[in-house]
Amino acid sequence: MAIITVQAIAESINIMGKRSGGAMKERIPGPIQEMAQEETAAGATYLDLNIGPARKDGVELLPWVVETVQSCVDTPLCLDTTNTDAMAAGFKVVKNKTGAIMNSISAQPERMEKLIPVAAEAGCNVIALLWGPDGMPRDSNERASMAVDLMMALSEAGIPNEKMLFDPIATPITLGADQIASGLEFLMMLQDIAPGAGSTVGLSNVSNGVAEHLRKYLDRTYLIMLMKYGIKTAIVNAYDKELMAICKGERQDFVDLVHGMMDGNEPDSSQLTGAALEHYKTYKVLSGQAVFSESWLNL
């Protein structure tokens, strides 16, 4: 089988992060630059710079973070904020605009109206977030409808499909597996909707609300499930070496195991040990074949 790889968008330079959050608020460049270098060394394709809503000072903060990171690494950037004015200000100082990502333009009219012109002018890649005026789509068909609306609006502004990364939105496994399945169904439909477009997912959303020491197992197996349907990029914890190894195509045996299960080929679980058994049990939960509880790895 061909080796599957995924471009990693490293998520840790975040206003909510322990190291980066305080550094952003106090405008201390050192910790942010160290993290940028660490995530780059770990193999990140992009660095996500997330300042959150930043209502008070976003227009000043995001350009400062961008310039702080650009002064120490050349890794392409992914600018992440719900503040549209801050997004526009941040892109003004991005050096490699065409290689950067805007995270994100949702299927909400006011956000599309403000950000699509900024993205078109920059020539950047765009995460097209399938979140509409009424919030979360209910199923894969609603995702498809939102994707068409976003694709048409982006296309009208001159942004090609190849610059679009559709995000079907990962939901916590604690809410059940139905929405996870709907996201995968959407990825199966994507090339029919927007030929040439890419995709992305914020992996850690699937493990949100789960005990911290267990989250990595869900994120890793979920990434492998997404890989079956051509996920191009993923927003990841670059400090998880095993997760990065999966991104780099270095865990093909586990990929083959999970993809085989997705095709209905049930392995003999009594013959599985270690990480293979962890992926087996975690897939059962994420696919809805087993009920989620925080003891799923011990059952």
C-alpha atoms as a PDB file:
ATOM      1  CA  MET A   1       0.000   0.000   0.000  1.00  0.00           C
ATOM      2  CA  ALA A   2       1.090   3.572  -0.659  1.00  0.00           C
ATOM      3  CA  ILE A   3       2.424   5.441   2.359  1.00  0.00           C
ATOM      4  CA  ILE A   4      -0.076   8.085   3.505  1.00  0.00           C
ATOM      5  CA  THR A   5       1.190  11.328   5.015  1.00  0.00           C
ATOM      6  CA  VAL A   6      -0.610  14.320   6.497  1.00  0.00           C
ATOM      7  CA  GLN A   7       0.691  17.885   6.757  1.00  0.00           C
ATOM      8  CA  ALA A   8       0.776  18.867  10.423  1.00  0.00           C
ATOM      9  CA  ILE A   9      -0.532  22.272  11.534  1.00  0.00           C
ATOM     10  CA  ALA A  10       1.016  22.609  15.006  1.00  0.00           C
ATOM     11  CA  GLU A  11      -1.534  23.959  17.477  1.00  0.00           C
ATOM     12  CA  SER A  12       0.363  24.855  20.641  1.00  0.00           C
ATOM     13  CA  ILE A  13       1.120  28.573  20.159  1.00  0.00           C
ATOM     14  CA  ASN A  14      -2.222  29.511  21.610  1.00  0.00           C
ATOM     15  CA  ILE A  15      -3.583  32.284  23.829  1.00  0.00           C
ATOM     16  CA  MET A  16      -4.936  29.515  26.108  1.00  0.00           C
ATOM     17  CA  GLY A  17      -1.592  27.702  26.374  1.00  0.00           C
ATOM     18  CA  LYS A  18       0.434  27.752  29.570  1.00  0.00           C
ATOM     19  CA  ARG A  19       3.711  28.849  27.990  1.00  0.00           C
ATOM     20  CA  SER A  20       2.425  30.848  25.057  1.00  0.00           C
ATOM     21  CA  GLY A  21      -0.642  32.484  26.603  1.00  0.00           C
ATOM     22  CA  GLY A  22       1.189  34.496  29.231  1.00  0.00           C
ATOM     23  CA  ALA A  23       3.920  35.381  26.750  1.00  0.00           C
ATOM     24  CA  MET A  24       1.341  36.763  24.335  1.00  0.00           C
ATOM     25  CA  LYS A  25      -0.404  38.808  27.001  1.00  0.00           C
ATOM     26  CA  GLU A  26       2.877  40.236  28.317  1.00  0.00           C
ATOM     27  CA  ARG A  27       4.483  40.544  24.840  1.00  0.00           C
ATOM     28  CA  ILE A  28       7.432  38.361  25.837  1.00  0.00           C
ATOM     29  CA  PRO A  29       8.877  36.879  22.616  1.00  0.00           C
ATOM     30  CA  GLY A  30      11.172  34.198  24.108  1.00  0.00           C
ATOM     31  CA  PRO A  31       8.678  31.419  24.983  1.00  0.00           C
ATOM     32  CA  ILE A  32       6.803  31.870  21.696  1.00  0.00           C
ATOM     33  CA  GLN A  33      10.019  31.678  19.663  1.00  0.00           C
ATOM     34  CA  GLU A  34      11.163  28.584  21.579  1.00  0.00           C
ATOM     35  CA  MET A  35       7.859  26.857  20.837  1.00  0.00           C
ATOM     36  CA  ALA A  36       8.017  27.839  17.168  1.00  0.00           C
ATOM     37  CA  GLN A  37      11.476  26.263  16.936  1.00  0.00           C
ATOM     38  CA  GLU A  38      10.378  23.148  18.853  1.00  0.00           C
ATOM     39  CA  GLU A  39       7.283  22.582  16.704  1.00  0.00           C
ATOM     40  CA  THR A  40       9.306  23.137  13.534  1.00  0.00           C
ATOM     41  CA  ALA A  41      11.936  20.636  14.723  1.00  0.00           C
ATOM     42  CA  ALA A  42       9.146  18.130  15.440  1.00  0.00           C
ATOM     43  CA  GLY A  43       8.161  18.234  11.759  1.00  0.00           C
ATOM     44  CA  ALA A  44       5.291  20.730  11.651  1.00  0.00           C
ATOM     45  CA  THR A  45       4.392  21.872   8.132  1.00  0.00           C
ATOM     46  CA  TYR A  46       2.586  24.947   9.480  1.00  0.00           C
ATOM     47  CA  LEU A  47       2.486  26.810  12.798  1.00  0.00           C
ATOM     48  CA  ASP A  48      -0.975  27.795  13.987  1.00  0.00           C
ATOM     49  CA  LEU A  49      -0.881  31.141  15.809  1.00  0.00           C
ATOM     50  CA  ASN A  50      -4.119  31.327  17.790  1.00  0.00           C
ATOM     51  CA  ILE A  51      -4.997  34.536  19.639  1.00  0.00           C
ATOM     52  CA  GLY A  52      -8.653  33.594  20.203  1.00  0.00           C
ATOM     53  CA  PRO A  53     -11.249  36.426  20.084  1.00  0.00           C
ATOM     54  CA  ALA A  54      -8.740  39.071  21.328  1.00  0.00           C
ATOM     55  CA  ARG A  55     -11.452  41.725  21.302  1.00  0.00           C
ATOM     56  CA  LYS A  56      -9.408  44.439  23.020  1.00  0.00           C
ATOM     57  CA  ASP A  57      -6.002  44.246  21.364  1.00  0.00           C
ATOM     58  CA  GLY A  58      -6.205  41.694  18.563  1.00  0.00           C
ATOM     59  CA  VAL A  59      -5.316  44.177  15.826  1.00  0.00           C
ATOM     60  CA  GLU A  60      -1.994  44.800  17.578  1.00  0.00           C
ATOM     61  CA  LEU A  61      -1.463  41.339  19.074  1.00  0.00           C
ATOM     62  CA  LEU A  62      -1.643  39.109  15.972  1.00  0.00           C
ATOM     63  CA  PRO A  63       0.876  41.147  13.931  1.00  0.00           C
ATOM     64  CA  TRP A  64       3.199  41.069  16.949  1.00  0.00           C
ATOM     65  CA  VAL A  65       2.920  37.271  17.244  1.00  0.00           C
ATOM     66  CA  VAL A  66       3.454  36.854  13.479  1.00  0.00           C
ATOM     67  CA  GLU A  67       6.598  39.000  13.491  1.00  0.00           C
ATOM     68  CA  THR A  68       7.873  37.308  16.660  1.00  0.00           C
ATOM     69  CA  VAL A  69       7.635  33.875  15.018  1.00  0.00           C
ATOM     70  CA  GLN A  70       8.892  34.969  11.592  1.00  0.00           C
ATOM     71  CA  SER A  71      12.039  36.362  13.199  1.00  0.00           C
ATOM     72  CA  CYS A  72      13.173  32.867  14.233  1.00  0.00           C
ATOM     73  CA  VAL A  73      11.676  30.317  11.776  1.00  0.00           C
ATOM     74  CA  ASP A  74      10.608  30.207   8.122  1.00  0.00           C
ATOM     75  CA  THR A  75       7.828  27.646   8.703  1.00  0.00           C
ATOM     76  CA  PRO A  76       4.593  28.701   6.953  1.00  0.00           C
ATOM     77  CA  LEU A  77       2.004  30.223   9.275  1.00  0.00           C
ATOM     78  CA  CYS A  78      -1.659  29.538   9.961  1.00  0.00           C
ATOM     79  CA  LEU A  79      -3.357  32.599  11.470  1.00  0.00           C
ATOM     80  CA  ASP A  80      -6.152  31.707  13.851  1.00  0.00           C
ATOM     81  CA  THR A  81      -8.598  34.176  15.388  1.00  0.00           C
ATOM     82  CA  THR A  82     -12.320  34.913  15.442  1.00  0.00           C
ATOM     83  CA  ASN A  83     -11.494  38.642  15.292  1.00  0.00           C
ATOM     84  CA  THR A  84     -11.807  39.555  11.602  1.00  0.00           C
ATOM     85  CA  ASP A  85      -9.990  42.873  11.997  1.00  0.00           C
ATOM     86  CA  ALA A  86      -7.113  41.130  13.769  1.00  0.00           C
ATOM     87  CA  MET A  87      -6.950  38.554  10.955  1.00  0.00           C
ATOM     88  CA  ALA A  88      -6.627  41.292   8.347  1.00  0.00           C
ATOM     89  CA  ALA A  89      -3.939  43.060  10.403  1.00  0.00           C
ATOM     90  CA  GLY A  90      -2.022  39.814  10.894  1.00  0.00           C
ATOM     91  CA  PHE A  91      -1.914  39.026   7.176  1.00  0.00           C
ATOM     92  CA  LYS A  92      -0.457  42.440   6.417  1.00  0.00           C
ATOM     93  CA  VAL A  93       2.832  41.399   8.068  1.00  0.00           C
ATOM     94  CA  VAL A  94       2.973  37.752   6.913  1.00  0.00           C
ATOM     95  CA  LYS A  95       6.026  37.339   4.674  1.00  0.00           C
ATOM     96  CA  ASN A  96       4.959  34.183   2.834  1.00  0.00           C
ATOM     97  CA  LYS A  97       1.309  35.056   2.217  1.00  0.00           C
ATOM     98  CA  THR A  98       0.659  32.515  -0.546  1.00  0.00           C
ATOM     99  CA  GLY A  99       2.064  29.712   1.619  1.00  0.00           C
ATOM    100  CA  ALA A 100       0.085  30.736   4.708  1.00  0.00           C
ATOM    101  CA  ILE A 101      -3.345  29.562   5.893  1.00  0.00           C
ATOM    102  CA  MET A 102      -6.300  31.610   7.123  1.00  0.00           C
ATOM    103  CA  ASN A 103      -8.035  29.762   9.964  1.00  0.00           C
ATOM    104  CA  SER A 104     -10.858  30.157   9.260  1.00  0.00           C
ATOM    105  CA  ILE A 105     -13.768  31.353   7.126  1.00  0.00           C
ATOM    106  CA  SER A 106     -17.007  29.801   8.342  1.00  0.00           C
ATOM    107  CA  ALA A 107     -20.284  29.589   6.400  1.00  0.00           C
ATOM    108  CA  GLN A 108     -21.582  32.675   8.209  1.00  0.00           C
ATOM    109  CA  PRO A 109     -22.400  35.659   5.958  1.00  0.00           C
ATOM    110  CA  GLU A 110     -20.720  38.323   8.096  1.00  0.00           C
ATOM    111  CA  ARG A 111     -17.485  36.331   8.367  1.00  0.00           C
ATOM    112  CA  MET A 112     -17.461  35.486   4.665  1.00  0.00           C
ATOM    113  CA  GLU A 113     -18.069  39.135   3.766  1.00  0.00           C
ATOM    114  CA  LYS A 114     -15.179  40.407   5.894  1.00  0.00           C
ATOM    115  CA  LEU A 115     -12.564  37.709   5.353  1.00  0.00           C
ATOM    116  CA  ILE A 116     -12.911  36.441   1.790  1.00  0.00           C
ATOM    117  CA  PRO A 117     -11.529  39.708   0.319  1.00  0.00           C
ATOM    118  CA  VAL A 118      -8.573  39.524   2.746  1.00  0.00           C
ATOM    119  CA  ALA A 119      -7.835  35.933   1.707  1.00  0.00           C
ATOM    120  CA  ALA A 120      -8.208  36.749  -1.995  1.00  0.00           C
ATOM    121  CA  GLU A 121      -5.791  39.670  -1.735  1.00  0.00           C
ATOM    122  CA  ALA A 122      -3.243  37.624   0.216  1.00  0.00           C
ATOM    123  CA  GLY A 123      -3.505  34.614  -2.105  1.00  0.00           C
ATOM    124  CA  CYS A 124      -3.349  32.367   0.966  1.00  0.00           C
ATOM    125  CA  ASN A 125      -4.860  28.975   1.668  1.00  0.00           C
ATOM    126  CA  VAL A 126      -8.200  29.080   3.475  1.00  0.00           C
ATOM    127  CA  ILE A 127      -9.732  26.735   6.033  1.00  0.00           C
ATOM    128  CA  ALA A 128     -13.408  26.621   5.034  1.00  0.00           C
ATOM    129  CA  LEU A 129     -15.102  25.811   8.334  1.00  0.00           C
ATOM    130  CA  LEU A 130     -18.439  24.051   8.005  1.00  0.00           C
ATOM    131  CA  TRP A 131     -20.149  26.073  10.696  1.00  0.00           C
ATOM    132  CA  GLY A 132     -23.209  27.986   9.576  1.00  0.00           C
ATOM    133  CA  PRO A 133     -25.573  30.690  10.821  1.00  0.00           C
ATOM    134  CA  ASP A 134     -27.362  28.064  12.918  1.00  0.00           C
ATOM    135  CA  GLY A 135     -24.125  26.557  14.193  1.00  0.00           C
ATOM    136  CA  MET A 136     -23.132  22.923  13.850  1.00  0.00           C
ATOM    137  CA  PRO A 137     -24.363  21.008  10.773  1.00  0.00           C
ATOM    138  CA  ARG A 138     -26.563  18.051  11.700  1.00  0.00           C
ATOM    139  CA  ASP A 139     -25.264  15.543   9.165  1.00  0.00           C
ATOM    140  CA  SER A 140     -23.080  15.034   6.095  1.00  0.00           C
ATOM    141  CA  ASN A 141     -25.724  16.523   3.770  1.00  0.00           C
ATOM    142  CA  GLU A 142     -25.798  19.794   5.718  1.00  0.00           C
ATOM    143  CA  ARG A 143     -22.002  19.814   5.605  1.00  0.00           C
ATOM    144  CA  ALA A 144     -22.145  19.342   1.841  1.00  0.00           C
ATOM    145  CA  SER A 145     -24.612  22.226   1.473  1.00  0.00           C
ATOM    146  CA  MET A 146     -22.386  24.553   3.527  1.00  0.00           C
ATOM    147  CA  ALA A 147     -19.346  23.444   1.536  1.00  0.00           C
ATOM    148  CA  VAL A 148     -21.056  24.388  -1.738  1.00  0.00           C
ATOM    149  CA  ASP A 149     -21.945  27.838  -0.372  1.00  0.00           C
ATOM    150  CA  LEU A 150     -18.380  28.434   0.817  1.00  0.00           C
ATOM    151  CA  MET A 151     -16.797  27.095  -2.371  1.00  0.00           C
ATOM    152  CA  MET A 152     -18.950  29.314  -4.565  1.00  0.00           C
ATOM    153  CA  ALA A 153     -18.217  32.429  -2.504  1.00  0.00           C
ATOM    154  CA  LEU A 154     -14.482  31.710  -2.452  1.00  0.00           C
ATOM    155  CA  SER A 155     -14.444  30.908  -6.179  1.00  0.00           C
ATOM    156  CA  GLU A 156     -16.244  34.163  -7.022  1.00  0.00           C
ATOM    157  CA  ALA A 157     -13.418  35.997  -5.236  1.00  0.00           C
ATOM    158  CA  GLY A 158     -10.847  34.211  -7.399  1.00  0.00           C
ATOM    159  CA  ILE A 159      -9.693  31.657  -4.815  1.00  0.00           C
ATOM    160  CA  PRO A 160      -9.124  28.268  -6.516  1.00  0.00           C
ATOM    161  CA  ASN A 161     -10.312  24.964  -5.041  1.00  0.00           C
ATOM    162  CA  GLU A 162      -6.684  23.963  -4.501  1.00  0.00           C
ATOM    163  CA  LYS A 163      -6.374  26.775  -1.920  1.00  0.00           C
ATOM    164  CA  MET A 164      -9.413  25.546   0.069  1.00  0.00           C
ATOM    165  CA  LEU A 165      -9.160  23.247   3.098  1.00  0.00           C
ATOM    166  CA  PHE A 166     -12.617  22.103   4.187  1.00  0.00           C
ATOM    167  CA  ASP A 167     -13.040  21.391   7.902  1.00  0.00           C
ATOM    168  CA  PRO A 168     -16.087  19.177   8.634  1.00  0.00           C
ATOM    169  CA  ILE A 169     -15.603  19.865  12.386  1.00  0.00           C
ATOM    170  CA  ALA A 170     -14.636  17.179  14.852  1.00  0.00           C
ATOM    171  CA  THR A 171     -16.929  16.763  17.844  1.00  0.00           C
ATOM    172  CA  PRO A 172     -16.075  15.245  21.232  1.00  0.00           C
ATOM    173  CA  ILE A 173     -16.507  11.486  21.511  1.00  0.00           C
ATOM    174  CA  THR A 174     -18.226  12.220  24.829  1.00  0.00           C
ATOM    175  CA  LEU A 175     -21.209  13.405  22.716  1.00  0.00           C
ATOM    176  CA  GLY A 176     -21.325  10.115  20.800  1.00  0.00           C
ATOM    177  CA  ALA A 177     -19.969   8.848  17.501  1.00  0.00           C
ATOM    178  CA  ASP A 178     -22.705  10.031  15.108  1.00  0.00           C
ATOM    179  CA  GLN A 179     -21.110  13.370  14.227  1.00  0.00           C
ATOM    180  CA  ILE A 180     -17.710  11.709  13.809  1.00  0.00           C
ATOM    181  CA  ALA A 181     -19.274   9.381  11.242  1.00  0.00           C
ATOM    182  CA  SER A 182     -20.950  12.342   9.495  1.00  0.00           C
ATOM    183  CA  GLY A 183     -17.609  14.128   9.176  1.00  0.00           C
ATOM    184  CA  LEU A 184     -16.058  11.060   7.567  1.00  0.00           C
ATOM    185  CA  GLU A 185     -19.026  10.741   5.199  1.00  0.00           C
ATOM    186  CA  PHE A 186     -18.512  14.346   4.142  1.00  0.00           C
ATOM    187  CA  LEU A 187     -14.835  13.714   3.356  1.00  0.00           C
ATOM    188  CA  MET A 188     -15.932  10.865   1.069  1.00  0.00           C
ATOM    189  CA  MET A 189     -18.101  13.386  -0.826  1.00  0.00           C
ATOM    190  CA  LEU A 190     -15.606  16.268  -0.925  1.00  0.00           C
ATOM    191  CA  GLN A 191     -13.945  15.635  -4.293  1.00  0.00           C
ATOM    192  CA  ASP A 192     -17.376  15.475  -5.954  1.00  0.00           C
ATOM    193  CA  ILE A 193     -18.298  18.809  -4.353  1.00  0.00           C
ATOM    194  CA  ALA A 194     -15.004  20.668  -4.778  1.00  0.00           C
ATOM    195  CA  PRO A 195     -12.553  18.810  -7.058  1.00  0.00           C
ATOM    196  CA  GLY A 196      -8.959  19.497  -6.079  1.00  0.00           C
ATOM    197  CA  ALA A 197      -9.812  20.927  -2.662  1.00  0.00           C
ATOM    198  CA  GLY A 198      -8.068  19.762   0.505  1.00  0.00           C
ATOM    199  CA  SER A 199      -9.313  19.125   4.008  1.00  0.00           C
ATOM    200  CA  THR A 200      -8.340  19.590   7.622  1.00  0.00           C
ATOM    201  CA  VAL A 201      -9.610  18.817  11.120  1.00  0.00           C
ATOM    202  CA  GLY A 202      -8.761  20.041  14.595  1.00  0.00           C
ATOM    203  CA  LEU A 203      -7.876  16.610  15.977  1.00  0.00           C
ATOM    204  CA  SER A 204      -7.984  17.516  19.650  1.00  0.00           C
ATOM    205  CA  ASN A 205     -11.686  18.411  19.413  1.00  0.00           C
ATOM    206  CA  VAL A 206     -12.517  14.703  19.328  1.00  0.00           C
ATOM    207  CA  SER A 207     -10.912  14.194  22.750  1.00  0.00           C
ATOM    208  CA  ASN A 208     -12.132  17.430  24.318  1.00  0.00           C
ATOM    209  CA  GLY A 209     -13.482  16.794  27.812  1.00  0.00           C
ATOM    210  CA  VAL A 210     -11.635  13.472  28.195  1.00  0.00           C
ATOM    211  CA  ALA A 211      -8.999  12.961  30.928  1.00  0.00           C
ATOM    212  CA  GLU A 212      -5.754  14.551  29.750  1.00  0.00           C
ATOM    213  CA  HIS A 213      -3.657  11.350  29.825  1.00  0.00           C
ATOM    214  CA  LEU A 214      -6.147   9.566  27.546  1.00  0.00           C
ATOM    215  CA  ARG A 215      -6.627  12.223  24.882  1.00  0.00           C
ATOM    216  CA  LYS A 216      -3.619  11.237  22.759  1.00  0.00           C
ATOM    217  CA  TYR A 217      -5.047   7.773  22.034  1.00  0.00           C
ATOM    218  CA  LEU A 218      -8.248   9.222  20.597  1.00  0.00           C
ATOM    219  CA  ASP A 219      -6.404  11.851  18.551  1.00  0.00           C
ATOM    220  CA  ARG A 220      -4.030   9.300  17.010  1.00  0.00           C
ATOM    221  CA  THR A 221      -6.664   6.778  15.941  1.00  0.00           C
ATOM    222  CA  TYR A 222      -9.002   9.493  14.705  1.00  0.00           C
ATOM    223  CA  LEU A 223      -6.225  10.831  12.467  1.00  0.00           C
ATOM    224  CA  ILE A 224      -5.757   7.377  10.955  1.00  0.00           C
ATOM    225  CA  MET A 225      -9.519   7.146  10.284  1.00  0.00           C
ATOM    226  CA  LEU A 226      -9.433  10.535   8.534  1.00  0.00           C
ATOM    227  CA  MET A 227      -6.438   9.428   6.442  1.00  0.00           C
ATOM    228  CA  LYS A 228      -8.583   6.792   4.750  1.00  0.00           C
ATOM    229  CA  TYR A 229     -10.611   9.580   3.165  1.00  0.00           C
ATOM    230  CA  GLY A 230      -7.720  11.724   2.042  1.00  0.00           C
ATOM    231  CA  ILE A 231      -7.318  14.232   4.863  1.00  0.00           C
ATOM    232  CA  LYS A 232      -4.631  16.614   3.622  1.00  0.00           C
ATOM    233  CA  THR A 233      -3.752  18.532   6.781  1.00  0.00           C
ATOM    234  CA  ALA A 234      -4.618  18.260  10.473  1.00  0.00           C
ATOM    235  CA  ILE A 235      -4.311  20.636  13.405  1.00  0.00           C
ATOM    236  CA  VAL A 236      -2.239  18.601  15.832  1.00  0.00           C
ATOM    237  CA  ASN A 237      -0.231  18.543  19.026  1.00  0.00           C
ATOM    238  CA  ALA A 238       3.268  18.515  17.545  1.00  0.00           C
ATOM    239  CA  TYR A 239       4.683  17.540  20.946  1.00  0.00           C
ATOM    240  CA  ASP A 240       3.045  14.092  20.619  1.00  0.00           C
ATOM    241  CA  LYS A 241       5.859  12.180  18.910  1.00  0.00           C
ATOM    242  CA  GLU A 242       3.661   9.191  18.088  1.00  0.00           C
ATOM    243  CA  LEU A 243       1.044  11.415  16.471  1.00  0.00           C
ATOM    244  CA  MET A 244       3.743  13.124  14.405  1.00  0.00           C
ATOM    245  CA  ALA A 245       5.079   9.718  13.350  1.00  0.00           C
ATOM    246  CA  ILE A 246       1.605   8.881  12.018  1.00  0.00           C
ATOM    247  CA  CYS A 247       1.540  12.200  10.124  1.00  0.00           C
ATOM    248  CA  LYS A 248       4.916  11.397   8.567  1.00  0.00           C
ATOM    249  CA  GLY A 249       3.762   7.965   7.346  1.00  0.00           C
ATOM    250  CA  GLU A 250       5.932   6.058   9.814  1.00  0.00           C
ATOM    251  CA  ARG A 251       3.159   3.882  11.326  1.00  0.00           C
ATOM    252  CA  GLN A 252       1.781   2.182   8.234  1.00  0.00           C
ATOM    253  CA  ASP A 253       1.093  -1.069  10.121  1.00  0.00           C
ATOM    254  CA  PHE A 254      -1.375   0.743  12.397  1.00  0.00           C
ATOM    255  CA  VAL A 255      -2.861   2.598   9.419  1.00  0.00           C
ATOM    256  CA  ASP A 256      -3.389  -0.721   7.628  1.00  0.00           C
ATOM    257  CA  LEU A 257      -4.989  -2.217  10.774  1.00  0.00           C
ATOM    258  CA  VAL A 258      -7.523   0.582  11.247  1.00  0.00           C
ATOM    259  CA  HIS A 259      -8.293   0.972   7.535  1.00  0.00           C
ATOM    260  CA  GLY A 260      -8.837  -2.779   7.334  1.00  0.00           C
ATOM    261  CA  MET A 261     -11.349  -2.538  10.175  1.00  0.00           C
ATOM    262  CA  MET A 262     -13.079   0.334   8.369  1.00  0.00           C
ATOM    263  CA  ASP A 263     -13.419  -2.001   5.375  1.00  0.00           C
ATOM    264  CA  GLY A 264     -15.032  -4.657   7.577  1.00  0.00           C
ATOM    265  CA  ASN A 265     -11.959  -6.841   8.083  1.00  0.00           C
ATOM    266  CA  GLU A 266     -12.054  -7.727  11.766  1.00  0.00           C
ATOM    267  CA  PRO A 267      -8.651  -8.765  13.165  1.00  0.00           C
ATOM    268  CA  ASP A 268      -8.198 -11.330  15.921  1.00  0.00           C
ATOM    269  CA  SER A 269      -7.889  -8.991  18.890  1.00  0.00           C
ATOM    270  CA  SER A 270      -6.309 -11.744  20.988  1.00  0.00           C
ATOM    271  CA  GLN A 271      -3.275 -11.485  18.731  1.00  0.00           C
ATOM    272  CA  LEU A 272      -2.896  -7.709  19.162  1.00  0.00           C
ATOM    273  CA  THR A 273      -0.633  -6.086  21.727  1.00  0.00           C
ATOM    274  CA  GLY A 274       0.698  -2.647  22.625  1.00  0.00           C
ATOM    275  CA  ALA A 275      -0.181   0.238  20.324  1.00  0.00           C
ATOM    276  CA  ALA A 276      -1.988  -2.056  17.863  1.00  0.00           C
ATOM    277  CA  LEU A 277      -4.428  -3.095  20.595  1.00  0.00           C
ATOM    278  CA  GLU A 278      -4.849   0.551  21.649  1.00  0.00           C
ATOM    279  CA  HIS A 279      -5.792   1.522  18.083  1.00  0.00           C
ATOM    280  CA  TYR A 280      -8.151  -1.472  17.851  1.00  0.00           C
ATOM    281  CA  LYS A 281     -10.033  -0.554  21.022  1.00  0.00           C
ATOM    282  CA  THR A 282     -10.043   3.155  20.231  1.00  0.00           C
ATOM    283  CA  TYR A 283     -11.411   2.587  16.728  1.00  0.00           C
ATOM    284  CA  LYS A 284     -14.282   0.557  18.215  1.00  0.00           C
ATOM    285  CA  VAL A 285     -15.218   3.572  20.349  1.00  0.00           C
ATOM    286  CA  LEU A 286     -14.780   6.228  17.644  1.00  0.00           C
ATOM    287  CA  SER A 287     -16.807   4.207  15.139  1.00  0.00           C
ATOM    288  CA  GLY A 288     -19.663   3.729  17.617  1.00  0.00           C
ATOM    289  CA  GLN A 289     -19.194  -0.040  17.846  1.00  0.00           C
ATOM    290  CA  ALA A 290     -18.400   0.287  21.557  1.00  0.00           C
ATOM    291  CA  VAL A 291     -19.826   2.720  24.086  1.00  0.00           C
ATOM    292  CA  PHE A 292     -17.319   5.344  25.193  1.00  0.00           C
ATOM    293  CA  SER A 293     -16.132   5.432  28.780  1.00  0.00           C
ATOM    294  CA  GLU A 294     -12.787   6.551  30.102  1.00  0.00           C
ATOM    295  CA  SER A 295     -11.891   2.921  30.824  1.00  0.00           C
ATOM    296  CA  TRP A 296     -12.232   1.895  27.143  1.00  0.00           C
ATOM    297  CA  LEU A 297      -8.567   0.858  26.887  1.00  0.00           C
ATOM    298  CA  ASN A 298      -8.926  -1.509  29.840  1.00  0.00           C
ATOM    299  CA  LEU A 299     -12.086  -3.274  28.665  1.00  0.00           C
END
